[in-house]
Amino acid sequence: MGGLGPTELIIILLIVLVVFGAGKLPQIGDALGKSIRNFKKSSSGQEDIDVTPPAPTSAPTALPPGQPASRPGVVDAEEVSRKA
């Protein structure tokens, strides 16, 4: 129970053949093989992961009180009220 037997695999292969066509099967197999190979490589390659903490960055400077932040491209703003 729960396993895939030869009959189920043949049915799945026939469905894939009908959906994708015979010309696409080599490309799909190649992409699937590369994906599995990359997954195995990345899951076993623990030495490739960089675990060093990032360099500290300088904190952004605060604006003086009462001075709004400037927005590039905004020259003037006009208040518009909507009447209901």
C-alpha atoms as a PDB file:
ATOM      1  CA  MET A   1       0.000   0.000   0.000  1.00  0.00           C
ATOM      2  CA  GLY A   2       1.341   3.436  -0.897  1.00  0.00           C
ATOM      3  CA  GLY A   3       4.040   2.148  -3.251  1.00  0.00           C
ATOM      4  CA  LEU A   4       4.252   2.691  -6.983  1.00  0.00           C
ATOM      5  CA  GLY A   5       4.280  -0.536  -8.926  1.00  0.00           C
ATOM      6  CA  PRO A   6       5.267  -1.027 -12.562  1.00  0.00           C
ATOM      7  CA  THR A   7       1.680  -0.587 -13.757  1.00  0.00           C
ATOM      8  CA  GLU A   8       1.323   2.793 -12.055  1.00  0.00           C
ATOM      9  CA  LEU A   9       4.692   3.966 -13.401  1.00  0.00           C
ATOM     10  CA  ILE A  10       3.692   3.016 -16.966  1.00  0.00           C
ATOM     11  CA  ILE A  11       0.407   4.905 -16.608  1.00  0.00           C
ATOM     12  CA  ILE A  12       2.221   7.985 -15.276  1.00  0.00           C
ATOM     13  CA  LEU A  13       4.762   7.766 -18.140  1.00  0.00           C
ATOM     14  CA  LEU A  14       1.957   7.558 -20.718  1.00  0.00           C
ATOM     15  CA  ILE A  15       0.205  10.598 -19.213  1.00  0.00           C
ATOM     16  CA  VAL A  16       3.469  12.578 -19.258  1.00  0.00           C
ATOM     17  CA  LEU A  17       4.065  11.496 -22.866  1.00  0.00           C
ATOM     18  CA  VAL A  18       0.602  12.672 -23.904  1.00  0.00           C
ATOM     19  CA  VAL A  19       0.857  15.989 -22.037  1.00  0.00           C
ATOM     20  CA  PHE A  20       4.381  17.014 -23.055  1.00  0.00           C
ATOM     21  CA  GLY A  21       4.939  15.063 -26.271  1.00  0.00           C
ATOM     22  CA  ALA A  22       7.845  12.834 -27.268  1.00  0.00           C
ATOM     23  CA  GLY A  23      10.067  15.756 -28.329  1.00  0.00           C
ATOM     24  CA  LYS A  24      10.020  17.434 -24.912  1.00  0.00           C
ATOM     25  CA  LEU A  25      10.781  14.323 -22.832  1.00  0.00           C
ATOM     26  CA  PRO A  26      14.605  14.485 -23.233  1.00  0.00           C
ATOM     27  CA  GLN A  27      14.596  18.162 -22.233  1.00  0.00           C
ATOM     28  CA  ILE A  28      12.408  17.470 -19.209  1.00  0.00           C
ATOM     29  CA  GLY A  29      14.602  14.541 -18.164  1.00  0.00           C
ATOM     30  CA  ASP A  30      17.744  16.642 -18.519  1.00  0.00           C
ATOM     31  CA  ALA A  31      16.273  19.481 -16.446  1.00  0.00           C
ATOM     32  CA  LEU A  32      15.056  17.039 -13.802  1.00  0.00           C
ATOM     33  CA  GLY A  33      18.476  15.383 -13.604  1.00  0.00           C
ATOM     34  CA  LYS A  34      20.229  18.738 -13.227  1.00  0.00           C
ATOM     35  CA  SER A  35      17.788  19.769 -10.522  1.00  0.00           C
ATOM     36  CA  ILE A  36      18.342  16.582  -8.537  1.00  0.00           C
ATOM     37  CA  ARG A  37      22.124  16.883  -8.951  1.00  0.00           C
ATOM     38  CA  ASN A  38      22.097  20.505  -7.739  1.00  0.00           C
ATOM     39  CA  PHE A  39      19.873  19.604  -4.791  1.00  0.00           C
ATOM     40  CA  LYS A  40      22.202  16.790  -3.708  1.00  0.00           C
ATOM     41  CA  LYS A  41      25.231  19.035  -4.147  1.00  0.00           C
ATOM     42  CA  SER A  42      23.736  21.842  -2.092  1.00  0.00           C
ATOM     43  CA  SER A  43      22.434  19.565   0.660  1.00  0.00           C
ATOM     44  CA  SER A  44      25.790  17.846   1.151  1.00  0.00           C
ATOM     45  CA  GLY A  45      28.023  20.910   0.711  1.00  0.00           C
ATOM     46  CA  GLN A  46      27.968  22.489   4.162  1.00  0.00           C
ATOM     47  CA  GLU A  47      31.397  24.072   3.666  1.00  0.00           C
ATOM     48  CA  ASP A  48      30.056  26.359   0.945  1.00  0.00           C
ATOM     49  CA  ILE A  49      27.805  28.281   3.334  1.00  0.00           C
ATOM     50  CA  ASP A  50      29.223  31.573   4.609  1.00  0.00           C
ATOM     51  CA  VAL A  51      28.383  31.903   8.304  1.00  0.00           C
ATOM     52  CA  THR A  52      30.548  34.917   9.099  1.00  0.00           C
ATOM     53  CA  PRO A  53      28.543  37.845  10.500  1.00  0.00           C
ATOM     54  CA  PRO A  54      28.153  40.793   8.150  1.00  0.00           C
ATOM     55  CA  ALA A  55      30.286  43.863   8.678  1.00  0.00           C
ATOM     56  CA  PRO A  56      28.585  46.511  10.820  1.00  0.00           C
ATOM     57  CA  THR A  57      27.116  49.362   8.851  1.00  0.00           C
ATOM     58  CA  SER A  58      26.902  52.933   9.953  1.00  0.00           C
ATOM     59  CA  ALA A  59      23.562  53.968  11.417  1.00  0.00           C
ATOM     60  CA  PRO A  60      21.549  56.486   9.394  1.00  0.00           C
ATOM     61  CA  THR A  61      21.809  60.009  10.699  1.00  0.00           C
ATOM     62  CA  ALA A  62      18.700  61.475  12.293  1.00  0.00           C
ATOM     63  CA  LEU A  63      17.117  64.654  10.993  1.00  0.00           C
ATOM     64  CA  PRO A  64      16.970  67.672  13.275  1.00  0.00           C
ATOM     65  CA  PRO A  65      13.604  68.031  15.054  1.00  0.00           C
ATOM     66  CA  GLY A  66      10.981  69.822  13.006  1.00  0.00           C
ATOM     67  CA  GLN A  67      12.648  69.220   9.633  1.00  0.00           C
ATOM     68  CA  PRO A  68      10.665  66.943   7.300  1.00  0.00           C
ATOM     69  CA  ALA A  69      12.392  64.323   5.227  1.00  0.00           C
ATOM     70  CA  SER A  70      13.018  65.464   1.676  1.00  0.00           C
ATOM     71  CA  ARG A  71      11.662  63.517  -1.254  1.00  0.00           C
ATOM     72  CA  PRO A  72      13.422  63.833  -4.588  1.00  0.00           C
ATOM     73  CA  GLY A  73      11.105  64.945  -7.362  1.00  0.00           C
ATOM     74  CA  VAL A  74       8.546  66.599  -5.047  1.00  0.00           C
ATOM     75  CA  VAL A  75       8.770  70.341  -5.400  1.00  0.00           C
ATOM     76  CA  ASP A  76       5.500  71.624  -3.947  1.00  0.00           C
ATOM     77  CA  ALA A  77       2.474  69.953  -2.493  1.00  0.00           C
ATOM     78  CA  GLU A  78      -1.035  71.302  -2.369  1.00  0.00           C
ATOM     79  CA  GLU A  79      -3.684  70.260   0.121  1.00  0.00           C
ATOM     80  CA  VAL A  80      -6.915  69.172  -1.529  1.00  0.00           C
ATOM     81  CA  SER A  81     -10.129  68.661   0.385  1.00  0.00           C
ATOM     82  CA  ARG A  82     -12.881  66.451  -0.918  1.00  0.00           C
ATOM     83  CA  LYS A  83     -16.483  67.530  -0.553  1.00  0.00           C
ATOM     84  CA  ALA A  84     -18.961  64.750   0.076  1.00  0.00           C
END
